[in-house]
PDB file of N, CA and C in Angstrom:
ATOM      1  N   MET A   1     134.435 115.310  84.683  1.00  0.00           N
ATOM      2  CA  MET A   1     133.376 116.274  84.439  1.00  0.00           C
ATOM      3  C   MET A   1     133.607 117.475  85.355  1.00  0.00           C
ATOM      4  N   TYR A   2     133.489 118.650  84.806  1.00  0.00           N
ATOM      5  CA  TYR A   2     133.657 119.852  85.599  1.00  0.00           C
ATOM      6  C   TYR A   2     132.448 120.057  86.497  1.00  0.00           C
ATOM      7  N   TYR A   3     132.664 120.773  87.594  1.00  0.00           N
ATOM      8  CA  TYR A   3     131.614 120.979  88.579  1.00  0.00           C
ATOM      9  C   TYR A   3     130.366 121.607  87.957  1.00  0.00           C
ATOM     10  N   SER A   4     130.541 122.681  87.181  1.00  0.00           N
ATOM     11  CA  SER A   4     129.375 123.364  86.602  1.00  0.00           C
ATOM     12  C   SER A   4     128.605 122.442  85.656  1.00  0.00           C
ATOM     13  N   GLU A   5     129.314 121.566  84.950  1.00  0.00           N
ATOM     14  CA  GLU A   5     128.642 120.599  84.083  1.00  0.00           C
ATOM     15  C   GLU A   5     127.813 119.628  84.912  1.00  0.00           C
ATOM     16  N   SER A   6     128.334 119.231  86.077  1.00  0.00           N
ATOM     17  CA  SER A   6     127.603 118.315  86.958  1.00  0.00           C
ATOM     18  C   SER A   6     126.321 118.965  87.459  1.00  0.00           C
ATOM     19  N   VAL A   7     126.408 120.224  87.868  1.00  0.00           N
ATOM     20  CA  VAL A   7     125.221 120.928  88.355  1.00  0.00           C
ATOM     21  C   VAL A   7     124.214 121.092  87.226  1.00  0.00           C
ATOM     22  N   GLU A   8     124.692 121.454  86.043  1.00  0.00           N
ATOM     23  CA  GLU A   8     123.799 121.590  84.886  1.00  0.00           C
ATOM     24  C   GLU A   8     123.117 120.267  84.567  1.00  0.00           C
ATOM     25  N   ARG A   9     123.858 119.177  84.669  1.00  0.00           N
ATOM     26  CA  ARG A   9     123.274 117.854  84.399  1.00  0.00           C
ATOM     27  C   ARG A   9     122.211 117.519  85.438  1.00  0.00           C
ATOM     28  N   VAL A  10     122.478 117.825  86.707  1.00  0.00           N
ATOM     29  CA  VAL A  10     121.494 117.587  87.774  1.00  0.00           C
ATOM     30  C   VAL A  10     120.220 118.366  87.477  1.00  0.00           C
ATOM     31  N   VAL A  11     120.360 119.640  87.132  1.00  0.00           N
ATOM     32  CA  VAL A  11     119.197 120.479  86.853  1.00  0.00           C
ATOM     33  C   VAL A  11     118.423 119.936  85.653  1.00  0.00           C
ATOM     34  N   ARG A  12     119.138 119.518  84.616  1.00  0.00           N
ATOM     35  CA  ARG A  12     118.492 118.975  83.414  1.00  0.00           C
ATOM     36  C   ARG A  12     117.742 117.673  83.740  1.00  0.00           C
ATOM     37  N   LEU A  13     118.390 116.772  84.467  1.00  0.00           N
ATOM     38  CA  LEU A  13     117.750 115.511  84.833  1.00  0.00           C
ATOM     39  C   LEU A  13     116.560 115.744  85.763  1.00  0.00           C
ATOM     40  N   ALA A  14     116.727 116.662  86.710  1.00  0.00           N
ATOM     41  CA  ALA A  14     115.688 116.924  87.710  1.00  0.00           C
ATOM     42  C   ALA A  14     114.442 117.528  87.094  1.00  0.00           C
ATOM     43  N   SER A  15     114.587 118.228  85.986  1.00  0.00           N
ATOM     44  CA  SER A  15     113.422 118.856  85.376  1.00  0.00           C
ATOM     45  C   SER A  15     112.790 117.969  84.308  1.00  0.00           C
ATOM     46  N   GLY A  16     113.331 116.766  84.113  1.00  0.00           N
ATOM     47  CA  GLY A  16     112.827 115.875  83.075  1.00  0.00           C
ATOM     48  C   GLY A  16     111.580 115.093  83.441  1.00  0.00           C
ATOM     49  N   SER A  17     111.242 115.017  84.718  1.00  0.00           N
ATOM     50  CA  SER A  17     110.068 114.259  85.187  1.00  0.00           C
ATOM     51  C   SER A  17     109.446 114.983  86.369  1.00  0.00           C
ATOM     52  N   ALA A  18     108.203 114.617  86.679  1.00  0.00           N
ATOM     53  CA  ALA A  18     107.507 115.261  87.799  1.00  0.00           C
ATOM     54  C   ALA A  18     108.217 114.996  89.128  1.00  0.00           C
ATOM     55  N   VAL A  19     108.687 113.758  89.321  1.00  0.00           N
ATOM     56  CA  VAL A  19     109.416 113.401  90.542  1.00  0.00           C
ATOM     57  C   VAL A  19     110.701 112.697  90.137  1.00  0.00           C
ATOM     58  N   VAL A  20     111.827 113.220  90.621  1.00  0.00           N
ATOM     59  CA  VAL A  20     113.134 112.643  90.327  1.00  0.00           C
ATOM     60  C   VAL A  20     113.840 112.371  91.639  1.00  0.00           C
ATOM     61  N   ILE A  21     114.363 111.147  91.751  1.00  0.00           N
ATOM     62  CA  ILE A  21     115.120 110.765  92.940  1.00  0.00           C
ATOM     63  C   ILE A  21     116.527 110.371  92.514  1.00  0.00           C
ATOM     64  N   PHE A  22     117.513 111.011  93.121  1.00  0.00           N
ATOM     65  CA  PHE A  22     118.906 110.603  92.951  1.00  0.00           C
ATOM     66  C   PHE A  22     119.213 109.683  94.111  1.00  0.00           C
ATOM     67  N   SER A  23     119.707 108.489  93.789  1.00  0.00           N
ATOM     68  CA  SER A  23     119.765 107.401  94.753  1.00  0.00           C
ATOM     69  C   SER A  23     121.055 106.603  94.602  1.00  0.00           C
ATOM     70  N   LEU A  24     121.315 105.762  95.587  1.00  0.00           N
ATOM     71  CA  LEU A  24     122.323 104.709  95.486  1.00  0.00           C
ATOM     72  C   LEU A  24     121.576 103.398  95.659  1.00  0.00           C
ATOM     73  N   SER A  25     121.835 102.444  94.799  1.00  0.00           N
ATOM     74  CA  SER A  25     121.058 101.205  94.813  1.00  0.00           C
ATOM     75  C   SER A  25     121.220 100.413  96.106  1.00  0.00           C
ATOM     76  N   THR A  26     122.292 100.644  96.857  1.00  0.00           N
ATOM     77  CA  THR A  26     122.542  99.900  98.088  1.00  0.00           C
ATOM     78  C   THR A  26     122.153 100.668  99.352  1.00  0.00           C
ATOM     79  N   CYS A  27     121.554 101.832  99.206  1.00  0.00           N
ATOM     80  CA  CYS A  27     121.248 102.709 100.355  1.00  0.00           C
ATOM     81  C   CYS A  27     119.836 102.436 100.875  1.00  0.00           C
ATOM     82  N   CYS A  28     119.725 102.116 102.164  1.00  0.00           N
ATOM     83  CA  CYS A  28     118.416 101.795 102.739  1.00  0.00           C
ATOM     84  C   CYS A  28     117.516 103.026 102.804  1.00  0.00           C
ATOM     85  N   MET A  29     118.065 104.197 103.019  1.00  0.00           N
ATOM     86  CA  MET A  29     117.257 105.420 103.046  1.00  0.00           C
ATOM     87  C   MET A  29     116.717 105.724 101.652  1.00  0.00           C
ATOM     88  N   CYS A  30     117.514 105.463 100.641  1.00  0.00           N
ATOM     89  CA  CYS A  30     117.070 105.648  99.256  1.00  0.00           C
ATOM     90  C   CYS A  30     115.922 104.690  98.955  1.00  0.00           C
ATOM     91  N   HIS A  31     116.073 103.448  99.385  1.00  0.00           N
ATOM     92  CA  HIS A  31     115.020 102.449  99.180  1.00  0.00           C
ATOM     93  C   HIS A  31     113.725 102.909  99.869  1.00  0.00           C
ATOM     94  N   ALA A  32     113.858 103.430 101.073  1.00  0.00           N
ATOM     95  CA  ALA A  32     112.685 103.862 101.836  1.00  0.00           C
ATOM     96  C   ALA A  32     111.962 105.015 101.137  1.00  0.00           C
ATOM     97  N   VAL A  33     112.694 105.974 100.600  1.00  0.00           N
ATOM     98  CA  VAL A  33     112.034 107.113  99.949  1.00  0.00           C
ATOM     99  C   VAL A  33     111.388 106.676  98.629  1.00  0.00           C
ATOM    100  N   LYS A  34     112.021 105.745  97.921  1.00  0.00           N
ATOM    101  CA  LYS A  34     111.408 105.218  96.691  1.00  0.00           C
ATOM    102  C   LYS A  34     110.109 104.481  97.027  1.00  0.00           C
ATOM    103  N   ARG A  35     110.113 103.695  98.102  1.00  0.00           N
ATOM    104  CA  ARG A  35     108.904 102.965  98.528  1.00  0.00           C
ATOM    105  C   ARG A  35     107.810 103.936  98.955  1.00  0.00           C
ATOM    106  N   LEU A  36     108.174 105.026  99.613  1.00  0.00           N
ATOM    107  CA  LEU A  36     107.197 106.030 100.025  1.00  0.00           C
ATOM    108  C   LEU A  36     106.436 106.548  98.802  1.00  0.00           C
ATOM    109  N   PHE A  37     107.173 106.966  97.778  1.00  0.00           N
ATOM    110  CA  PHE A  37     106.519 107.515  96.592  1.00  0.00           C
ATOM    111  C   PHE A  37     105.713 106.456  95.852  1.00  0.00           C
ATOM    112  N   CYS A  38     106.268 105.277  95.692  1.00  0.00           N
ATOM    113  CA  CYS A  38     105.536 104.203  95.005  1.00  0.00           C
ATOM    114  C   CYS A  38     104.269 103.836  95.771  1.00  0.00           C
ATOM    115  N   GLY A  39     104.353 103.831  97.092  1.00  0.00           N
ATOM    116  CA  GLY A  39     103.201 103.537  97.928  1.00  0.00           C
ATOM    117  C   GLY A  39     102.107 104.587  97.821  1.00  0.00           C
ATOM    118  N   MET A  40     102.471 105.788  97.425  1.00  0.00           N
ATOM    119  CA  MET A  40     101.494 106.868  97.239  1.00  0.00           C
ATOM    120  C   MET A  40     100.920 106.851  95.822  1.00  0.00           C
ATOM    121  N   GLY A  41     101.422 105.954  94.976  1.00  0.00           N
ATOM    122  CA  GLY A  41     100.950 105.893  93.608  1.00  0.00           C
ATOM    123  C   GLY A  41     101.734 106.776  92.654  1.00  0.00           C
ATOM    124  N   VAL A  42     102.877 107.246  93.101  1.00  0.00           N
ATOM    125  CA  VAL A  42     103.741 108.097  92.281  1.00  0.00           C
ATOM    126  C   VAL A  42     104.797 107.213  91.627  1.00  0.00           C
ATOM    127  N   ASN A  43     105.086 107.469  90.367  1.00  0.00           N
ATOM    128  CA  ASN A  43     106.097 106.707  89.644  1.00  0.00           C
ATOM    129  C   ASN A  43     107.311 107.611  89.399  1.00  0.00           C
ATOM    130  N   PRO A  44     108.234 107.671  90.354  1.00  0.00           N
ATOM    131  CA  PRO A  44     109.374 108.581  90.204  1.00  0.00           C
ATOM    132  C   PRO A  44     110.387 108.082  89.180  1.00  0.00           C
ATOM    133  N   THR A  45     111.105 109.022  88.599  1.00  0.00           N
ATOM    134  CA  THR A  45     112.278 108.682  87.798  1.00  0.00           C
ATOM    135  C   THR A  45     113.433 108.584  88.779  1.00  0.00           C
ATOM    136  N   VAL A  46     114.138 107.466  88.751  1.00  0.00           N
ATOM    137  CA  VAL A  46     115.221 107.227  89.715  1.00  0.00           C
ATOM    138  C   VAL A  46     116.544 107.126  88.968  1.00  0.00           C
ATOM    139  N   TYR A  47     117.521 107.876  89.445  1.00  0.00           N
ATOM    140  CA  TYR A  47     118.887 107.796  88.920  1.00  0.00           C
ATOM    141  C   TYR A  47     119.765 107.164  89.988  1.00  0.00           C
ATOM    142  N   GLU A  48     120.223 105.950  89.721  1.00  0.00           N
ATOM    143  CA  GLU A  48     121.097 105.235  90.657  1.00  0.00           C
ATOM    144  C   GLU A  48     122.536 105.680  90.386  1.00  0.00           C
ATOM    145  N   LEU A  49     123.061 106.503  91.263  1.00  0.00           N
ATOM    146  CA  LEU A  49     124.368 107.121  91.030  1.00  0.00           C
ATOM    147  C   LEU A  49     125.512 106.114  91.035  1.00  0.00           C
ATOM    148  N   ASP A  50     125.345 104.999  91.752  1.00  0.00           N
ATOM    149  CA  ASP A  50     126.405 103.993  91.776  1.00  0.00           C
ATOM    150  C   ASP A  50     126.419 103.160  90.494  1.00  0.00           C
ATOM    151  N   GLN A  51     125.437 103.374  89.628  1.00  0.00           N
ATOM    152  CA  GLN A  51     125.401 102.670  88.348  1.00  0.00           C
ATOM    153  C   GLN A  51     125.659 103.617  87.176  1.00  0.00           C
ATOM    154  N   ASP A  52     126.024 104.845  87.491  1.00  0.00           N
ATOM    155  CA  ASP A  52     126.309 105.865  86.476  1.00  0.00           C
ATOM    156  C   ASP A  52     127.803 106.154  86.504  1.00  0.00           C
ATOM    157  N   PRO A  53     128.479 106.104  85.347  1.00  0.00           N
ATOM    158  CA  PRO A  53     129.931 106.365  85.338  1.00  0.00           C
ATOM    159  C   PRO A  53     130.289 107.743  85.885  1.00  0.00           C
ATOM    160  N   ARG A  54     129.357 108.687  85.814  1.00  0.00           N
ATOM    161  CA  ARG A  54     129.618 110.032  86.340  1.00  0.00           C
ATOM    162  C   ARG A  54     128.875 110.273  87.647  1.00  0.00           C
ATOM    163  N   GLY A  55     128.453 109.200  88.284  1.00  0.00           N
ATOM    164  CA  GLY A  55     127.662 109.300  89.506  1.00  0.00           C
ATOM    165  C   GLY A  55     128.335 110.045  90.635  1.00  0.00           C
ATOM    166  N   GLN A  56     129.641 109.859  90.814  1.00  0.00           N
ATOM    167  CA  GLN A  56     130.341 110.556  91.899  1.00  0.00           C
ATOM    168  C   GLN A  56     130.331 112.061  91.684  1.00  0.00           C
ATOM    169  N   ASP A  57     130.486 112.499  90.433  1.00  0.00           N
ATOM    170  CA  ASP A  57     130.439 113.929  90.131  1.00  0.00           C
ATOM    171  C   ASP A  57     129.054 114.485  90.440  1.00  0.00           C
ATOM    172  N   ILE A  58     128.024 113.736  90.074  1.00  0.00           N
ATOM    173  CA  ILE A  58     126.655 114.170  90.340  1.00  0.00           C
ATOM    174  C   ILE A  58     126.404 114.212  91.844  1.00  0.00           C
ATOM    175  N   GLU A  59     126.909 113.210  92.552  1.00  0.00           N
ATOM    176  CA  GLU A  59     126.733 113.176  94.006  1.00  0.00           C
ATOM    177  C   GLU A  59     127.392 114.381  94.678  1.00  0.00           C
ATOM    178  N   MET A  60     128.557 114.770  94.202  1.00  0.00           N
ATOM    179  CA  MET A  60     129.228 115.958  94.754  1.00  0.00           C
ATOM    180  C   MET A  60     128.426 117.227  94.456  1.00  0.00           C
ATOM    181  N   ALA A  61     127.868 117.321  93.250  1.00  0.00           N
ATOM    182  CA  ALA A  61     127.050 118.486  92.896  1.00  0.00           C
ATOM    183  C   ALA A  61     125.796 118.537  93.773  1.00  0.00           C
ATOM    184  N   LEU A  62     125.165 117.384  94.008  1.00  0.00           N
ATOM    185  CA  LEU A  62     123.989 117.324  94.879  1.00  0.00           C
ATOM    186  C   LEU A  62     124.333 117.746  96.295  1.00  0.00           C
ATOM    187  N   SER A  63     125.466 117.281  96.785  1.00  0.00           N
ATOM    188  CA  SER A  63     125.909 117.651  98.124  1.00  0.00           C
ATOM    189  C   SER A  63     126.083 119.166  98.226  1.00  0.00           C
ATOM    190  N   HIS A  64     126.640 119.760  97.192  1.00  0.00           N
ATOM    191  CA  HIS A  64     126.812 121.218  97.178  1.00  0.00           C
ATOM    192  C   HIS A  64     125.447 121.916  97.184  1.00  0.00           C
ATOM    193  N   LEU A  65     124.502 121.414  96.377  1.00  0.00           N
ATOM    194  CA  LEU A  65     123.162 122.017  96.325  1.00  0.00           C
ATOM    195  C   LEU A  65     122.455 121.925  97.677  1.00  0.00           C
ATOM    196  N   LEU A  66     122.784 120.886  98.446  1.00  0.00           N
ATOM    197  CA  LEU A  66     122.179 120.701  99.768  1.00  0.00           C
ATOM    198  C   LEU A  66     122.951 121.424 100.869  1.00  0.00           C
ATOM    199  N   GLY A  67     123.971 122.183 100.505  1.00  0.00           N
ATOM    200  CA  GLY A  67     124.741 122.917 101.499  1.00  0.00           C
ATOM    201  C   GLY A  67     125.766 122.067 102.211  1.00  0.00           C
ATOM    202  N   GLY A  68     126.247 121.015 101.535  1.00  0.00           N
ATOM    203  CA  GLY A  68     127.279 120.169 102.106  1.00  0.00           C
ATOM    204  C   GLY A  68     126.750 118.974 102.866  1.00  0.00           C
ATOM    205  N   ASP A  69     125.430 118.854 102.945  1.00  0.00           N
ATOM    206  CA  ASP A  69     124.834 117.720 103.646  1.00  0.00           C
ATOM    207  C   ASP A  69     124.990 116.437 102.833  1.00  0.00           C
ATOM    208  N   SER A  70     124.633 115.334 103.465  1.00  0.00           N
ATOM    209  CA  SER A  70     124.629 114.036 102.808  1.00  0.00           C
ATOM    210  C   SER A  70     123.882 114.125 101.489  1.00  0.00           C
ATOM    211  N   ALA A  71     124.399 113.453 100.482  1.00  0.00           N
ATOM    212  CA  ALA A  71     123.883 113.683  99.139  1.00  0.00           C
ATOM    213  C   ALA A  71     122.736 112.781  98.697  1.00  0.00           C
ATOM    214  N   VAL A  72     122.497 111.652  99.329  1.00  0.00           N
ATOM    215  CA  VAL A  72     121.428 110.789  98.835  1.00  0.00           C
ATOM    216  C   VAL A  72     120.561 110.261  99.966  1.00  0.00           C
ATOM    217  N   PRO A  73     119.309 110.021  99.726  1.00  0.00           N
ATOM    218  CA  PRO A  73     118.589 110.313  98.492  1.00  0.00           C
ATOM    219  C   PRO A  73     118.310 111.810  98.386  1.00  0.00           C
ATOM    220  N   VAL A  74     118.236 112.300  97.165  1.00  0.00           N
ATOM    221  CA  VAL A  74     117.862 113.689  96.923  1.00  0.00           C
ATOM    222  C   VAL A  74     116.650 113.669  96.003  1.00  0.00           C
ATOM    223  N   VAL A  75     115.614 114.408  96.407  1.00  0.00           N
ATOM    224  CA  VAL A  75     114.347 114.398  95.692  1.00  0.00           C
ATOM    225  C   VAL A  75     114.057 115.779  95.101  1.00  0.00           C
ATOM    226  N   PHE A  76     113.645 115.742  93.827  1.00  0.00           N
ATOM    227  CA  PHE A  76     113.163 116.939  93.143  1.00  0.00           C
ATOM    228  C   PHE A  76     111.716 116.664  92.753  1.00  0.00           C
ATOM    229  N   ILE A  77     110.853 117.643  92.982  1.00  0.00           N
ATOM    230  CA  ILE A  77     109.454 117.542  92.562  1.00  0.00           C
ATOM    231  C   ILE A  77     109.138 118.758  91.710  1.00  0.00           C
ATOM    232  N   GLY A  78     108.656 118.512  90.505  1.00  0.00           N
ATOM    233  CA  GLY A  78     108.371 119.609  89.588  1.00  0.00           C
ATOM    234  C   GLY A  78     109.609 120.407  89.237  1.00  0.00           C
ATOM    235  N   GLY A  79     110.759 119.727  89.213  1.00  0.00           N
ATOM    236  CA  GLY A  79     112.016 120.391  88.891  1.00  0.00           C
ATOM    237  C   GLY A  79     112.612 121.183  90.037  1.00  0.00           C
ATOM    238  N   LYS A  80     111.933 121.215  91.192  1.00  0.00           N
ATOM    239  CA  LYS A  80     112.420 121.979  92.349  1.00  0.00           C
ATOM    240  C   LYS A  80     113.001 121.041  93.391  1.00  0.00           C
ATOM    241  N   LEU A  81     114.116 121.450  93.964  1.00  0.00           N
ATOM    242  CA  LEU A  81     114.773 120.661  94.997  1.00  0.00           C
ATOM    243  C   LEU A  81     113.912 120.626  96.252  1.00  0.00           C
ATOM    244  N   VAL A  82     113.516 119.414  96.660  1.00  0.00           N
ATOM    245  CA  VAL A  82     112.821 119.235  97.933  1.00  0.00           C
ATOM    246  C   VAL A  82     113.863 119.002  99.007  1.00  0.00           C
ATOM    247  N   GLY A  83     114.823 118.118  98.714  1.00  0.00           N
ATOM    248  CA  GLY A  83     115.904 117.863  99.649  1.00  0.00           C
ATOM    249  C   GLY A  83     116.129 116.383  99.861  1.00  0.00           C
ATOM    250  N   ALA A  84     116.795 116.101 100.954  1.00  0.00           N
ATOM    251  CA  ALA A  84     117.126 114.721 101.310  1.00  0.00           C
ATOM    252  C   ALA A  84     115.964 114.108 102.097  1.00  0.00           C
ATOM    253  N   MET A  85     116.192 112.926 102.611  1.00  0.00           N
ATOM    254  CA  MET A  85     115.152 112.150 103.292  1.00  0.00           C
ATOM    255  C   MET A  85     114.462 112.937 104.406  1.00  0.00           C
ATOM    256  N   ASP A  86     115.219 113.675 105.204  1.00  0.00           N
ATOM    257  CA  ASP A  86     114.624 114.411 106.320  1.00  0.00           C
ATOM    258  C   ASP A  86     113.614 115.444 105.839  1.00  0.00           C
ATOM    259  N   ARG A  87     113.918 116.136 104.763  1.00  0.00           N
ATOM    260  CA  ARG A  87     113.000 117.160 104.227  1.00  0.00           C
ATOM    261  C   ARG A  87     111.765 116.511 103.596  1.00  0.00           C
ATOM    262  N   VAL A  88     111.965 115.401 102.916  1.00  0.00           N
ATOM    263  CA  VAL A  88     110.836 114.688 102.297  1.00  0.00           C
ATOM    264  C   VAL A  88     109.883 114.199 103.384  1.00  0.00           C
ATOM    265  N   MET A  89     110.424 113.590 104.424  1.00  0.00           N
ATOM    266  CA  MET A  89     109.581 113.061 105.502  1.00  0.00           C
ATOM    267  C   MET A  89     108.894 114.188 106.269  1.00  0.00           C
ATOM    268  N   ALA A  90     109.588 115.291 106.506  1.00  0.00           N
ATOM    269  CA  ALA A  90     108.975 116.432 107.188  1.00  0.00           C
ATOM    270  C   ALA A  90     107.822 116.980 106.352  1.00  0.00           C
ATOM    271  N   SER A  91     108.006 117.032 105.051  1.00  0.00           N
ATOM    272  CA  SER A  91     106.956 117.499 104.143  1.00  0.00           C
ATOM    273  C   SER A  91     105.767 116.532 104.154  1.00  0.00           C
ATOM    274  N   HIS A  92     106.058 115.234 104.152  1.00  0.00           N
ATOM    275  CA  HIS A  92     105.011 114.214 104.175  1.00  0.00           C
ATOM    276  C   HIS A  92     104.216 114.291 105.481  1.00  0.00           C
ATOM    277  N   ILE A  93     104.905 114.342 106.594  1.00  0.00           N
ATOM    278  CA  ILE A  93     104.254 114.392 107.906  1.00  0.00           C
ATOM    279  C   ILE A  93     103.491 115.702 108.080  1.00  0.00           C
ATOM    280  N   GLY A  94     104.054 116.788 107.547  1.00  0.00           N
ATOM    281  CA  GLY A  94     103.417 118.099 107.666  1.00  0.00           C
ATOM    282  C   GLY A  94     102.266 118.326 106.701  1.00  0.00           C
ATOM    283  N   GLY A  95     102.042 117.374 105.793  1.00  0.00           N
ATOM    284  CA  GLY A  95     100.920 117.495 104.881  1.00  0.00           C
ATOM    285  C   GLY A  95     101.167 118.336 103.644  1.00  0.00           C
ATOM    286  N   THR A  96     102.412 118.697 103.394  1.00  0.00           N
ATOM    287  CA  THR A  96     102.702 119.534 102.218  1.00  0.00           C
ATOM    288  C   THR A  96     103.210 118.728 101.023  1.00  0.00           C
ATOM    289  N   LEU A  97     103.503 117.440 101.223  1.00  0.00           N
ATOM    290  CA  LEU A  97     104.045 116.628 100.126  1.00  0.00           C
ATOM    291  C   LEU A  97     102.990 116.352  99.055  1.00  0.00           C
ATOM    292  N   VAL A  98     101.802 115.955  99.457  1.00  0.00           N
ATOM    293  CA  VAL A  98     100.746 115.631  98.487  1.00  0.00           C
ATOM    294  C   VAL A  98     100.402 116.844  97.612  1.00  0.00           C
ATOM    295  N   PRO A  99     100.208 118.037  98.188  1.00  0.00           N
ATOM    296  CA  PRO A  99      99.951 119.195  97.317  1.00  0.00           C
ATOM    297  C   PRO A  99     101.097 119.468  96.321  1.00  0.00           C
ATOM    298  N   LEU A 100     102.338 119.276  96.759  1.00  0.00           N
ATOM    299  CA  LEU A 100     103.479 119.440  95.846  1.00  0.00           C
ATOM    300  C   LEU A 100     103.393 118.443  94.690  1.00  0.00           C
ATOM    301  N   LEU A 101     103.066 117.202  95.017  1.00  0.00           N
ATOM    302  CA  LEU A 101     102.962 116.165  94.010  1.00  0.00           C
ATOM    303  C   LEU A 101     101.812 116.431  93.037  1.00  0.00           C
ATOM    304  N   LYS A 102     100.695 116.931  93.553  1.00  0.00           N
ATOM    305  CA  LYS A 102      99.559 117.264  92.697  1.00  0.00           C
ATOM    306  C   LYS A 102      99.923 118.417  91.757  1.00  0.00           C
ATOM    307  N   GLU A 103     100.566 119.427  92.303  1.00  0.00           N
ATOM    308  CA  GLU A 103     100.961 120.599  91.521  1.00  0.00           C
ATOM    309  C   GLU A 103     101.910 120.213  90.391  1.00  0.00           C
ATOM    310  N   ALA A 104     102.778 119.233  90.650  1.00  0.00           N
ATOM    311  CA  ALA A 104     103.757 118.789  89.648  1.00  0.00           C
ATOM    312  C   ALA A 104     103.146 117.827  88.644  1.00  0.00           C
ATOM    313  N   GLY A 105     101.911 117.394  88.893  1.00  0.00           N
ATOM    314  CA  GLY A 105     101.263 116.444  87.986  1.00  0.00           C
ATOM    315  C   GLY A 105     101.667 115.002  88.225  1.00  0.00           C
ATOM    316  N   ALA A 106     102.226 114.718  89.401  1.00  0.00           N
ATOM    317  CA  ALA A 106     102.664 113.357  89.723  1.00  0.00           C
ATOM    318  C   ALA A 106     101.586 112.560  90.449  1.00  0.00           C
ATOM    319  N   LEU A 107     100.569 113.254  90.929  1.00  0.00           N
ATOM    320  CA  LEU A 107      99.520 112.614  91.713  1.00  0.00           C
ATOM    321  C   LEU A 107      98.203 113.275  91.351  1.00  0.00           C
ATOM    322  N   TRP A 108      97.179 112.468  91.120  1.00  0.00           N
ATOM    323  CA  TRP A 108      95.903 113.013  90.670  1.00  0.00           C
ATOM    324  C   TRP A 108      94.802 112.892  91.699  1.00  0.00           C
ATOM    325  N   LEU A 109      95.040 112.205  92.795  1.00  0.00           N
ATOM    326  CA  LEU A 109      93.992 111.994  93.797  1.00  0.00           C
ATOM    327  C   LEU A 109      93.735 113.221  94.628  1.00  0.00           C
TER     328      LEU A 109
END
């Protein structure tokens, strides 16, 4: 898969649901971010890259979108890139995660 196709696929997948997580099924940080959202009552769409034949291409595209940083977990809310675990947790601790989730229609409380 060409790089631009990978980025286009990421954008298409990320805009398909209110909350999208790109993950690896064996990654503890990915598990933690999925539990965070589920614990808040959010039902994210999860793409397990290690179970996708084109997962490595998607992971490289995600890494590029993050500026070369570690690629998983990567969270999109409302089709917008939130970032990796550090950005999600900073948003949660700072009180900006819930408003983002409400705005995207992922949380109604």
